Amino acid sequence: MARQLTLIPATRDWRLDPKTKETGRRGIASARAALAAHRPTDDGRKSAA
């Protein structure tokens, strides 16, 4: 990519309301649980690093 988009100036500060924050937190918790449930097991192989 040769160019980056120019940010426009914000006209005011904004805040998320508590309901939106809680919805986001629940979504993150759900995503983390799904990832943890499908985490590969350690089968004795060494990492490539």
C-alpha atoms as a PDB file:
ATOM      1  CA  MET A   1       0.000   0.000   0.000  1.00  0.00           C
ATOM      2  CA  ALA A   2       1.508   3.284  -1.042  1.00  0.00           C
ATOM      3  CA  ARG A   3      -0.821   5.657   0.825  1.00  0.00           C
ATOM      4  CA  GLN A   4      -2.623   5.723   4.105  1.00  0.00           C
ATOM      5  CA  LEU A   5      -6.059   7.245   4.633  1.00  0.00           C
ATOM      6  CA  THR A   6      -6.106  10.681   6.215  1.00  0.00           C
ATOM      7  CA  LEU A   7      -7.923  10.863   9.531  1.00  0.00           C
ATOM      8  CA  ILE A   8     -10.622  13.490   9.804  1.00  0.00           C
ATOM      9  CA  PRO A   9     -10.654  15.618  12.945  1.00  0.00           C
ATOM     10  CA  ALA A  10     -13.179  14.635  15.594  1.00  0.00           C
ATOM     11  CA  THR A  11     -15.706  17.333  16.396  1.00  0.00           C
ATOM     12  CA  ARG A  12     -16.247  16.084  19.954  1.00  0.00           C
ATOM     13  CA  ASP A  13     -15.200  13.366  22.367  1.00  0.00           C
ATOM     14  CA  TRP A  14     -17.459  10.337  22.423  1.00  0.00           C
ATOM     15  CA  ARG A  15     -18.132   7.674  25.003  1.00  0.00           C
ATOM     16  CA  LEU A  16     -19.737   4.252  24.869  1.00  0.00           C
ATOM     17  CA  ASP A  17     -22.783   3.798  27.052  1.00  0.00           C
ATOM     18  CA  PRO A  18     -22.710   1.097  29.763  1.00  0.00           C
ATOM     19  CA  LYS A  19     -25.010  -1.267  27.817  1.00  0.00           C
ATOM     20  CA  THR A  20     -22.713  -1.165  24.783  1.00  0.00           C
ATOM     21  CA  LYS A  21     -19.646  -1.739  26.961  1.00  0.00           C
ATOM     22  CA  GLU A  22     -21.256  -4.760  28.623  1.00  0.00           C
ATOM     23  CA  THR A  23     -22.299  -6.201  25.263  1.00  0.00           C
ATOM     24  CA  GLY A  24     -18.721  -5.868  24.053  1.00  0.00           C
ATOM     25  CA  ARG A  25     -17.329  -7.490  27.191  1.00  0.00           C
ATOM     26  CA  ARG A  26     -19.688 -10.445  26.809  1.00  0.00           C
ATOM     27  CA  GLY A  27     -18.673 -10.815  23.170  1.00  0.00           C
ATOM     28  CA  ILE A  28     -14.967 -10.799  24.050  1.00  0.00           C
ATOM     29  CA  ALA A  29     -15.543 -13.360  26.817  1.00  0.00           C
ATOM     30  CA  SER A  30     -17.433 -15.592  24.396  1.00  0.00           C
ATOM     31  CA  ALA A  31     -14.692 -15.331  21.778  1.00  0.00           C
ATOM     32  CA  ARG A  32     -11.995 -16.131  24.353  1.00  0.00           C
ATOM     33  CA  ALA A  33     -13.948 -19.166  25.561  1.00  0.00           C
ATOM     34  CA  ALA A  34     -14.374 -20.429  21.994  1.00  0.00           C
ATOM     35  CA  LEU A  35     -10.653 -20.021  21.307  1.00  0.00           C
ATOM     36  CA  ALA A  36      -9.707 -21.750  24.560  1.00  0.00           C
ATOM     37  CA  ALA A  37     -12.023 -24.666  23.773  1.00  0.00           C
ATOM     38  CA  HIS A  38     -10.250 -25.196  20.455  1.00  0.00           C
ATOM     39  CA  ARG A  39      -6.688 -24.586  21.596  1.00  0.00           C
ATOM     40  CA  PRO A  40      -4.321 -27.232  20.260  1.00  0.00           C
ATOM     41  CA  THR A  41      -3.004 -29.679  22.806  1.00  0.00           C
ATOM     42  CA  ASP A  42       0.673 -30.038  23.534  1.00  0.00           C
ATOM     43  CA  ASP A  43       1.561 -33.307  21.831  1.00  0.00           C
ATOM     44  CA  GLY A  44       5.268 -33.191  22.619  1.00  0.00           C
ATOM     45  CA  ARG A  45       6.367 -31.495  19.406  1.00  0.00           C
ATOM     46  CA  LYS A  46       8.865 -28.691  19.700  1.00  0.00           C
ATOM     47  CA  SER A  47       7.987 -25.307  18.256  1.00  0.00           C
ATOM     48  CA  ALA A  48       9.712 -24.031  15.125  1.00  0.00           C
ATOM     49  CA  ALA A  49      10.985 -20.930  16.928  1.00  0.00           C
END
